[in-house]
Amino acid sequence: MTGKNARHNAFLRLVSGNAAAFGSESRYPLHASKEMVIGRDPSCQVVLDAMMYRMVSRRHAAVRPLSSSPDNKFTWVICDLNSANGTYLNGKRFYGCQELQSGDRIALGSDGPQFIFEYDLIPQPTMMTKQNASLPSAANFQNHTQIKQPDSVSFTQLFPIISTGKDLTSKAYLVPGILTVVFVVLMFATVGRPQANQVIVASYIGFVVYYFVYQLCGKSKPWWVLIGTALSTALILLSPILDLFIFIFRVVLPGNLAAAQDATITELFIRMFFGAGLMEELLKALPILGAYFIGSKLPSPWRENIGVWEPLDGILLGTASALGFTLLETLGQYVPDITQNVSQQVGIGAAGQLAGLQLLIPRVLGSVAGHMAYSGYLGYFIGLAVLKPSKSWQILSIGYLSASVLHALWNALGSINAFLLVVVGVLAYAVLMAAILKARALSPTRSQNFATRFLGPK
């Protein structure tokens, strides 16, 4: 039956991806007067998981209703929203919009999630209220897509770990959880051995801080490249390169930190700018520059995995380099010094060990607003210079000087007032976060990157 006493039912049915993983299908009813946008952005009507569907753009495609025909039958079209990996209708990529027929298969990307368009007319009783006849609105999709589950209990429902498969590693933070368990066991195993325990605690805190930055960046980078960058920085600090840098920046240039105790605030800032800011930021940038030159000599995909080709690459490698710097500086210099000093003053070794642990935690945890902030910010400019080679020297100069100024401000104001130290720390953190957001917007691989929101949309 058609005409006034027929109801139009149109659905998109997800037949791959999450539906396949959980052994069920998801159906999304289409509204006769509103479009349905599909993508990874939380504002879409059908929101696909950013971790699982990296090939899907933030606003990938939209299903739109057209004006009804004389027989009261609606026409629906699928429109590609300039997606990076394309939209496919029955296996063929199209551009613009295509009319949909019942049973058509829609794929987001050549190997992305797939939907089936379903359309039918359901005869309705002649006496109906407007409330019963109306289709659900876009805001109430979730209330109308629940499928009644059978009373029987399946084997995979009783043992869910068997059926989750890929979701367990991609969505359940399995690797961070495993590493946490390993570090906890190591902390128990090193009780009574303070030096080994300090290394384990510092490494775990550093891992947590870096993972936070990594998730915010939203771009995959091989773990061995990141660890290799941190180790490279640590090796540079243990090599004669450090002595050369000290001679240039603290002997030749006015960066002598030993004479900074009796200096005025202006003199202190200048010494910190040369002796800490310029010296240490250039030192931490060496592994980033090395990764760029090594990657440029390698074939794809090695060049993309190792090299620096955009600001996100620079931030990821810069923060990894800073983490290596922080761990070695904290465990090799600051913690041993305060442990020895307190032990000598108090005469109790345990007091010195406690003071060392009290210093270790804020130094490593605060690196996100310290060394990681400065080096990640400089890494952004290194990646931007690669992305825009015609302005590379201008970009690098601004990045190097601004990162060094932030570093010098932290060191100079830290000895004056705790409140000023908080202000500089917040500023450094904000600068890093702003660089990450801008780098994500500029990323040439934006459609393949995973997006993270620690706070949901308002």
Protein backbone atom coordinates (compact mmCIF):
# COMPACT_ATOMS: atom_id res chain seq x y z
CA MET A 1 0.00 0.00 0.00
CA THR A 2 1.25 3.47 -0.85
CA GLY A 3 -0.05 6.96 -0.22
CA LYS A 4 -1.17 8.54 3.02
CA ASN A 5 -1.56 5.24 4.87
CA ALA A 6 1.99 4.03 4.23
CA ARG A 7 5.01 4.67 6.45
CA HIS A 8 8.47 5.10 4.95
CA ASN A 9 11.17 3.06 6.67
CA ALA A 10 14.73 3.75 5.56
CA PHE A 11 17.78 2.46 7.39
CA LEU A 12 21.52 2.20 7.15
CA ARG A 13 22.67 -1.16 8.43
CA LEU A 14 26.32 -1.53 9.52
CA VAL A 15 27.48 -4.91 8.28
CA SER A 16 31.25 -4.75 8.93
CA GLY A 17 33.60 -3.36 11.57
CA ASN A 18 32.08 -3.10 15.05
CA ALA A 19 29.05 -5.12 14.02
CA ALA A 20 31.18 -8.00 12.77
CA ALA A 21 33.37 -7.88 15.87
CA PHE A 22 30.51 -8.22 18.30
CA GLY A 23 28.38 -10.59 16.25
CA SER A 24 25.46 -8.19 15.83
CA GLU A 25 24.28 -5.52 13.42
CA SER A 26 23.65 -1.84 14.03
CA ARG A 27 20.77 -0.11 12.27
CA TYR A 28 20.47 3.64 11.90
CA PRO A 29 17.04 4.97 10.87
CA LEU A 30 16.99 7.83 8.36
CA HIS A 31 14.84 10.88 8.96
CA ALA A 32 12.65 12.07 6.11
CA SER A 33 13.64 15.72 6.56
CA LYS A 34 17.21 15.60 7.88
CA GLU A 35 20.51 14.38 6.52
CA MET A 36 22.61 11.80 8.32
CA VAL A 37 26.35 12.53 8.41
CA ILE A 38 28.77 9.65 8.94
CA GLY A 39 32.31 10.14 10.20
CA ARG A 40 34.68 10.24 13.16
CA ASP A 41 33.72 13.71 14.38
CA PRO A 42 31.52 13.66 17.51
CA SER A 43 29.10 16.07 15.81
CA CYS A 44 28.14 13.44 13.19
CA GLN A 45 24.87 11.55 13.50
CA VAL A 46 26.73 8.24 13.03
CA VAL A 47 30.02 8.48 14.93
CA LEU A 48 32.61 5.82 14.10
CA ASP A 49 35.41 4.96 16.48
CA ALA A 50 38.54 6.99 15.70
CA MET A 51 40.94 4.27 16.84
CA MET A 52 39.37 1.51 14.73
CA TYR A 53 38.39 3.46 11.60
CA ARG A 54 41.44 5.56 10.78
CA MET A 55 40.61 5.47 7.08
CA VAL A 56 37.33 7.33 7.75
CA SER A 57 37.40 11.13 7.57
CA ARG A 58 35.96 13.28 10.33
CA ARG A 59 32.94 14.08 8.14
CA HIS A 60 33.14 11.39 5.51
CA ALA A 61 29.72 11.06 3.83
CA ALA A 62 26.07 12.04 4.24
CA VAL A 63 22.76 10.37 3.36
CA ARG A 64 20.21 12.98 2.32
CA PRO A 65 16.46 12.78 1.54
CA LEU A 66 15.06 14.40 -1.60
CA SER A 67 11.55 15.75 -2.08
CA SER A 68 8.87 13.05 -2.21
CA SER A 69 7.44 11.86 -5.49
CA PRO A 70 3.70 11.95 -6.36
CA ASP A 71 3.24 8.42 -4.99
CA ASN A 72 4.65 9.57 -1.64
CA LYS A 73 7.86 7.59 -2.05
CA PHE A 74 11.01 9.29 -0.86
CA THR A 75 14.31 9.29 -2.74
CA TRP A 76 17.58 9.08 -0.84
CA VAL A 77 21.09 9.95 -2.02
CA ILE A 78 24.56 9.26 -0.63
CA CYS A 79 27.02 12.18 -0.90
CA ASP A 80 30.77 12.06 -0.45
CA LEU A 81 31.97 15.02 1.67
CA ASN A 82 35.38 15.35 0.01
CA SER A 83 36.72 12.47 2.08
CA ALA A 84 40.39 11.56 1.87
CA ASN A 85 39.85 7.87 1.05
CA GLY A 86 36.63 8.13 -0.92
CA THR A 87 33.14 6.66 -0.66
CA TYR A 88 32.19 3.55 -2.62
CA LEU A 89 28.74 2.48 -3.82
CA ASN A 90 28.48 -1.23 -4.66
CA GLY A 91 32.25 -1.46 -5.00
CA LYS A 92 32.73 1.62 -7.22
CA ARG A 93 34.08 4.95 -6.02
CA PHE A 94 31.95 7.98 -6.87
CA TYR A 95 32.20 11.73 -6.49
CA GLY A 96 29.39 14.06 -5.50
CA CYS A 97 26.06 12.32 -4.85
CA GLN A 98 24.47 9.08 -6.03
CA GLU A 99 20.87 7.91 -5.72
CA LEU A 100 20.35 4.94 -3.43
CA GLN A 101 18.31 1.82 -4.09
CA SER A 102 17.27 -0.70 -1.47
CA GLY A 103 20.11 -3.18 -0.93
CA ASP A 104 22.90 -0.85 -2.07
CA ARG A 105 26.20 -1.33 -0.25
CA ILE A 106 28.09 1.78 0.93
CA ALA A 107 31.77 1.55 1.90
CA LEU A 108 33.80 4.34 3.53
CA GLY A 109 37.17 3.85 1.89
CA SER A 110 38.18 0.80 -0.12
CA ASP A 111 38.65 -1.30 3.03
CA GLY A 112 36.58 0.68 5.53
CA PRO A 113 33.28 0.00 7.29
CA GLN A 114 30.32 -0.93 5.11
CA PHE A 115 26.63 -0.09 5.35
CA ILE A 116 23.61 -1.47 3.47
CA PHE A 117 20.81 0.91 2.57
CA GLU A 118 17.34 -0.53 3.26
CA TYR A 119 14.08 1.08 2.19
CA ASP A 120 10.52 -0.14 2.32
CA LEU A 121 6.92 1.03 2.72
CA ILE A 122 4.95 -0.38 5.63
CA PRO A 123 1.11 -0.17 5.47
CA GLN A 124 -0.37 1.59 8.50
CA PRO A 125 -3.86 1.61 10.00
CA THR A 126 -6.10 4.42 8.75
CA MET A 127 -6.62 5.82 12.25
CA MET A 128 -3.22 7.05 13.45
CA THR A 129 -2.08 9.93 15.54
CA LYS A 130 0.67 12.21 14.35
CA GLN A 131 2.80 11.07 17.25
CA ASN A 132 2.65 7.41 16.20
CA ALA A 133 3.13 8.18 12.51
CA SER A 134 6.15 10.39 12.84
CA LEU A 135 9.61 9.03 12.21
CA PRO A 136 12.22 9.36 14.96
CA SER A 137 14.24 12.55 14.86
CA ALA A 138 17.99 12.61 14.40
CA ALA A 139 18.43 13.44 18.09
CA ASN A 140 16.64 10.23 19.08
CA PHE A 141 18.50 7.75 16.87
CA GLN A 142 19.95 5.93 19.83
CA ASN A 143 16.49 5.28 21.26
CA HIS A 144 15.25 3.72 18.02
CA THR A 145 18.23 1.56 17.10
CA GLN A 146 18.10 -0.88 19.97
CA ILE A 147 17.58 -4.43 18.77
CA LYS A 148 15.83 -6.86 21.03
CA GLN A 149 18.29 -9.50 22.16
CA PRO A 150 17.31 -13.17 22.44
CA ASP A 151 17.03 -14.71 25.89
CA SER A 152 19.67 -17.36 25.11
CA VAL A 153 23.26 -16.76 26.20
CA SER A 154 25.99 -17.43 23.65
CA PHE A 155 29.43 -18.86 24.33
CA THR A 156 31.11 -15.54 23.43
CA GLN A 157 28.81 -13.71 25.85
CA LEU A 158 29.96 -15.97 28.65
CA PHE A 159 33.61 -15.67 27.58
CA PRO A 160 33.82 -12.20 25.96
CA ILE A 161 37.60 -12.26 25.60
CA ILE A 162 37.24 -14.83 22.81
CA SER A 163 35.18 -12.57 20.55
CA THR A 164 36.64 -9.12 21.15
CA GLY A 165 39.77 -9.81 19.09
CA LYS A 166 41.07 -6.63 17.49
CA ASP A 167 39.02 -4.36 19.75
CA LEU A 168 40.91 -5.61 22.78
CA THR A 169 44.21 -4.24 21.51
CA SER A 170 42.92 -1.15 19.69
CA LYS A 171 40.28 0.16 22.11
CA ALA A 172 40.90 -1.32 25.55
CA TYR A 173 44.35 0.22 26.20
CA LEU A 174 45.74 -3.30 26.56
CA VAL A 175 49.39 -2.38 26.00
CA PRO A 176 49.43 0.45 28.60
CA GLY A 177 47.70 -1.89 31.04
CA ILE A 178 50.26 -4.64 30.46
CA LEU A 179 53.14 -2.21 30.93
CA THR A 180 51.57 -0.92 34.14
CA VAL A 181 51.39 -4.45 35.53
CA VAL A 182 55.02 -5.09 34.54
CA PHE A 183 56.22 -1.87 36.19
CA VAL A 184 54.24 -2.60 39.37
CA VAL A 185 55.85 -6.04 39.64
CA LEU A 186 59.28 -4.46 39.09
CA MET A 187 58.57 -1.89 41.81
CA PHE A 188 57.77 -4.68 44.25
CA ALA A 189 60.86 -6.59 43.15
CA THR A 190 63.15 -3.62 43.82
CA VAL A 191 61.89 -2.80 47.32
CA GLY A 192 64.99 -2.35 49.47
CA ARG A 193 67.12 -1.38 46.49
CA PRO A 194 66.48 2.37 46.25
CA GLN A 195 68.54 3.12 43.15
CA ALA A 196 66.90 0.40 41.08
CA ASN A 197 63.47 1.36 42.43
CA GLN A 198 64.04 5.00 41.47
CA VAL A 199 64.87 3.96 37.88
CA ILE A 200 61.67 1.90 37.66
CA VAL A 201 59.48 4.66 39.16
CA ALA A 202 61.00 7.35 36.94
CA SER A 203 60.65 5.21 33.81
CA TYR A 204 56.99 4.48 34.52
CA ILE A 205 56.11 8.12 35.23
CA GLY A 206 57.95 9.11 32.06
CA PHE A 207 56.01 6.50 30.08
CA VAL A 208 52.68 7.82 31.40
CA VAL A 209 53.56 11.44 30.60
CA TYR A 210 54.75 10.60 27.11
CA TYR A 211 51.71 8.41 26.40
CA PHE A 212 49.51 11.40 27.25
CA VAL A 213 51.33 13.54 24.67
CA TYR A 214 51.31 10.69 22.12
CA GLN A 215 47.55 10.29 22.37
CA LEU A 216 47.02 14.02 21.98
CA CYS A 217 49.17 14.08 18.84
CA GLY A 218 47.00 11.35 17.34
CA LYS A 219 49.59 10.02 14.88
CA SER A 220 51.13 6.57 14.93
CA LYS A 221 54.91 6.33 15.17
CA PRO A 222 56.78 3.05 15.72
CA TRP A 223 57.66 2.51 19.38
CA TRP A 224 61.24 1.56 18.53
CA VAL A 225 61.75 4.91 16.79
CA LEU A 226 60.54 6.80 19.86
CA ILE A 227 62.62 4.75 22.29
CA GLY A 228 65.61 5.05 19.96
CA THR A 229 65.23 8.84 19.98
CA ALA A 230 65.20 8.97 23.80
CA LEU A 231 68.23 6.68 24.01
CA SER A 232 70.09 8.77 21.41
CA THR A 233 69.69 11.87 23.54
CA ALA A 234 70.90 10.01 26.62
CA LEU A 235 73.97 8.78 24.74
CA ILE A 236 74.73 12.31 23.52
CA LEU A 237 74.73 13.49 27.14
CA LEU A 238 77.28 10.77 27.97
CA SER A 239 79.49 11.53 24.97
CA PRO A 240 82.15 14.22 24.30
CA ILE A 241 79.47 16.15 22.39
CA LEU A 242 78.21 17.51 25.71
CA ASP A 243 81.67 18.87 26.58
CA LEU A 244 81.82 20.60 23.20
CA PHE A 245 78.43 22.20 23.77
CA ILE A 246 79.42 23.33 27.26
CA PHE A 247 82.57 24.95 25.90
CA ILE A 248 80.71 26.80 23.13
CA PHE A 249 77.66 28.00 25.06
CA ARG A 250 79.11 28.45 28.58
CA VAL A 251 82.69 29.47 27.90
CA VAL A 252 82.73 31.17 24.51
CA LEU A 253 79.17 32.54 24.81
CA PRO A 254 77.86 34.24 27.99
CA GLY A 255 76.19 31.16 29.43
CA ASN A 256 78.37 30.50 32.50
CA LEU A 257 75.91 29.11 35.05
CA ALA A 258 78.49 28.82 37.83
CA ALA A 259 78.62 32.62 38.19
CA ALA A 260 74.84 33.05 38.06
CA GLN A 261 74.17 32.98 41.81
CA ASP A 262 75.04 36.65 42.49
CA ALA A 263 73.72 37.95 39.15
CA THR A 264 70.79 40.31 38.68
CA ILE A 265 67.59 38.99 37.13
CA THR A 266 68.61 40.35 33.72
CA GLU A 267 72.07 38.80 33.93
CA LEU A 268 70.57 35.55 35.20
CA PHE A 269 68.15 35.37 32.28
CA ILE A 270 70.94 36.00 29.74
CA ARG A 271 73.12 33.30 31.27
CA MET A 272 70.19 30.85 31.31
CA PHE A 273 69.27 31.76 27.75
CA PHE A 274 72.72 30.82 26.43
CA GLY A 275 73.82 28.21 28.97
CA ALA A 276 70.52 26.31 29.31
CA GLY A 277 68.04 27.40 26.64
CA LEU A 278 70.13 27.58 23.47
CA MET A 279 72.52 24.80 24.50
CA GLU A 280 70.08 22.19 25.75
CA GLU A 281 67.39 22.78 23.11
CA LEU A 282 69.93 22.38 20.30
CA LEU A 283 71.32 19.27 21.97
CA LYS A 284 67.85 17.71 22.28
CA ALA A 285 67.10 18.62 18.66
CA LEU A 286 70.06 16.62 17.31
CA PRO A 287 68.17 13.27 17.27
CA ILE A 288 65.24 14.94 15.47
CA LEU A 289 67.53 16.33 12.78
CA GLY A 290 69.28 12.96 12.57
CA ALA A 291 65.95 11.20 12.06
CA TYR A 292 65.11 13.61 9.25
CA PHE A 293 68.38 13.03 7.39
CA ILE A 294 68.26 9.25 7.88
CA GLY A 295 64.62 9.07 6.77
CA SER A 296 65.32 11.11 3.64
CA LYS A 297 67.75 8.41 2.47
CA LEU A 298 65.40 5.49 2.99
CA PRO A 299 62.65 4.06 0.75
CA SER A 300 58.99 4.11 1.71
CA PRO A 301 57.58 3.11 4.23
CA TRP A 302 60.82 3.32 6.23
CA ARG A 303 61.22 7.00 5.39
CA GLU A 304 57.78 7.84 6.82
CA ASN A 305 58.25 5.68 9.94
CA ILE A 306 61.67 7.05 10.84
CA GLY A 307 61.85 10.49 9.26
CA VAL A 308 60.34 13.88 10.01
CA TRP A 309 57.86 14.98 7.34
CA GLU A 310 55.38 17.12 9.24
CA PRO A 311 54.99 18.97 12.58
CA LEU A 312 53.44 15.95 14.33
CA ASP A 313 56.58 13.92 13.59
CA GLY A 314 58.72 16.69 15.06
CA ILE A 315 56.60 16.90 18.22
CA LEU A 316 56.63 13.14 18.79
CA LEU A 317 60.40 12.87 18.35
CA GLY A 318 61.09 16.12 20.22
CA THR A 319 59.14 15.03 23.31
CA ALA A 320 60.77 11.58 23.18
CA SER A 321 64.20 13.23 23.06
CA ALA A 322 63.25 15.45 26.02
CA LEU A 323 62.13 12.40 28.00
CA GLY A 324 65.54 10.78 27.53
CA PHE A 325 67.20 14.04 28.61
CA THR A 326 64.98 14.36 31.70
CA LEU A 327 65.48 10.77 32.87
CA LEU A 328 69.25 10.87 32.55
CA GLU A 329 69.56 14.34 34.10
CA THR A 330 67.24 13.45 36.99
CA LEU A 331 68.61 9.98 37.77
CA GLY A 332 72.23 10.78 36.96
CA GLN A 333 72.61 14.22 38.55
CA TYR A 334 69.78 15.73 40.60
CA VAL A 335 68.62 12.68 42.58
CA PRO A 336 72.14 11.47 43.54
CA ASP A 337 73.16 15.01 44.56
CA ILE A 338 70.20 15.64 46.86
CA THR A 339 70.39 12.11 48.27
CA GLN A 340 74.03 12.60 49.23
CA ASN A 341 73.52 16.10 50.63
CA VAL A 342 70.55 15.18 52.82
CA SER A 343 72.22 11.98 54.03
CA GLN A 344 75.30 13.95 55.10
CA GLN A 345 73.28 16.68 56.83
CA VAL A 346 70.92 14.36 58.71
CA GLY A 347 73.24 11.42 59.08
CA ILE A 348 70.53 8.99 57.99
CA GLY A 349 70.75 7.32 54.59
CA ALA A 350 67.00 6.66 54.43
CA ALA A 351 66.28 10.39 54.71
CA GLY A 352 68.44 11.08 51.68
CA GLN A 353 66.71 8.34 49.69
CA LEU A 354 63.31 9.76 50.58
CA ALA A 355 64.41 13.24 49.51
CA GLY A 356 65.65 11.80 46.22
CA LEU A 357 62.28 10.15 45.56
CA GLN A 358 60.47 13.38 46.47
CA LEU A 359 62.54 15.23 43.87
CA LEU A 360 62.28 12.51 41.22
CA ILE A 361 58.48 12.44 40.99
CA PRO A 362 57.85 16.16 40.27
CA ARG A 363 60.85 16.45 37.93
CA VAL A 364 59.72 13.61 35.66
CA LEU A 365 56.00 14.26 35.98
CA GLY A 366 56.50 17.97 35.38
CA SER A 367 58.50 17.39 32.22
CA VAL A 368 55.27 17.83 30.22
CA ALA A 369 55.48 21.51 31.16
CA GLY A 370 59.29 21.56 31.10
CA HIS A 371 61.76 19.81 28.83
CA MET A 372 59.05 18.02 26.82
CA ALA A 373 57.18 21.29 26.29
CA TYR A 374 60.24 23.16 25.00
CA SER A 375 61.53 20.33 22.81
CA GLY A 376 58.10 19.38 21.50
CA TYR A 377 57.51 23.01 20.58
CA LEU A 378 60.86 23.17 18.74
CA GLY A 379 60.01 19.83 17.08
CA TYR A 380 56.82 21.42 15.73
CA PHE A 381 58.91 24.07 13.96
CA ILE A 382 61.34 21.47 12.60
CA GLY A 383 58.42 19.56 11.08
CA LEU A 384 56.87 22.79 9.81
CA ALA A 385 60.16 23.71 8.12
CA VAL A 386 60.12 20.35 6.32
CA LEU A 387 56.51 20.95 5.29
CA LYS A 388 57.31 24.47 4.03
CA PRO A 389 60.94 24.33 2.81
CA SER A 390 60.90 27.78 1.17
CA LYS A 391 60.58 29.37 4.65
CA SER A 392 62.62 26.79 6.53
CA TRP A 393 65.31 29.07 8.00
CA GLN A 394 62.81 31.65 9.15
CA ILE A 395 60.67 28.94 10.75
CA LEU A 396 63.61 27.22 12.45
CA SER A 397 64.97 30.50 13.82
CA ILE A 398 61.64 31.46 15.40
CA GLY A 399 61.15 28.00 16.87
CA TYR A 400 64.68 27.71 18.28
CA LEU A 401 64.66 31.15 19.87
CA SER A 402 61.13 30.91 21.32
CA ALA A 403 61.78 27.45 22.82
CA SER A 404 65.04 28.72 24.33
CA VAL A 405 63.30 31.78 25.82
CA LEU A 406 60.70 29.57 27.54
CA HIS A 407 63.46 27.35 28.88
CA ALA A 408 65.45 30.33 30.17
CA LEU A 409 62.38 31.88 31.82
CA TRP A 410 61.72 28.67 33.75
CA ASN A 411 65.31 28.46 35.00
CA ALA A 412 65.65 32.17 35.80
CA LEU A 413 62.31 32.74 37.54
CA GLY A 414 62.39 29.46 39.43
CA SER A 415 64.83 30.87 41.96
CA ILE A 416 62.79 34.02 42.55
CA ASN A 417 59.15 33.16 43.15
CA ALA A 418 57.10 29.96 43.11
CA PHE A 419 54.08 31.73 41.64
CA LEU A 420 56.13 32.94 38.66
CA LEU A 421 57.33 29.39 38.17
CA VAL A 422 53.71 28.23 37.96
CA VAL A 423 52.94 30.93 35.41
CA VAL A 424 55.85 29.92 33.18
CA GLY A 425 55.00 26.22 33.54
CA VAL A 426 51.38 26.79 32.53
CA LEU A 427 52.52 28.94 29.61
CA ALA A 428 54.93 26.25 28.41
CA TYR A 429 52.24 23.57 28.64
CA ALA A 430 49.74 25.76 26.77
CA VAL A 431 52.31 26.45 24.06
CA LEU A 432 52.92 22.71 23.56
CA MET A 433 49.18 21.93 23.44
CA ALA A 434 48.60 24.75 20.94
CA ALA A 435 51.40 23.36 18.75
CA ILE A 436 49.84 19.88 18.88
CA LEU A 437 46.41 21.19 17.87
CA LYS A 438 47.87 23.20 14.99
CA ALA A 439 50.02 20.25 13.90
CA ARG A 440 46.96 18.00 13.79
CA ALA A 441 45.16 20.54 11.59
CA LEU A 442 48.17 20.82 9.24
CA SER A 443 48.89 17.10 9.04
CA PRO A 444 48.97 15.75 5.44
CA THR A 445 47.82 12.39 6.86
CA ARG A 446 45.00 13.94 8.87
CA SER A 447 42.36 11.48 7.65
CA GLN A 448 44.48 8.50 8.75
CA ASN A 449 45.44 9.91 12.16
CA PHE A 450 43.51 8.96 15.25
CA ALA A 451 41.83 11.79 17.17
CA THR A 452 41.58 11.89 20.94
CA ARG A 453 39.23 13.90 23.10
CA PHE A 454 39.95 13.74 26.84
CA LEU A 455 36.90 15.93 27.37
CA GLY A 456 33.70 15.14 25.51
CA PRO A 457 31.85 17.70 23.39
CA LYS A 458 29.69 20.19 25.23
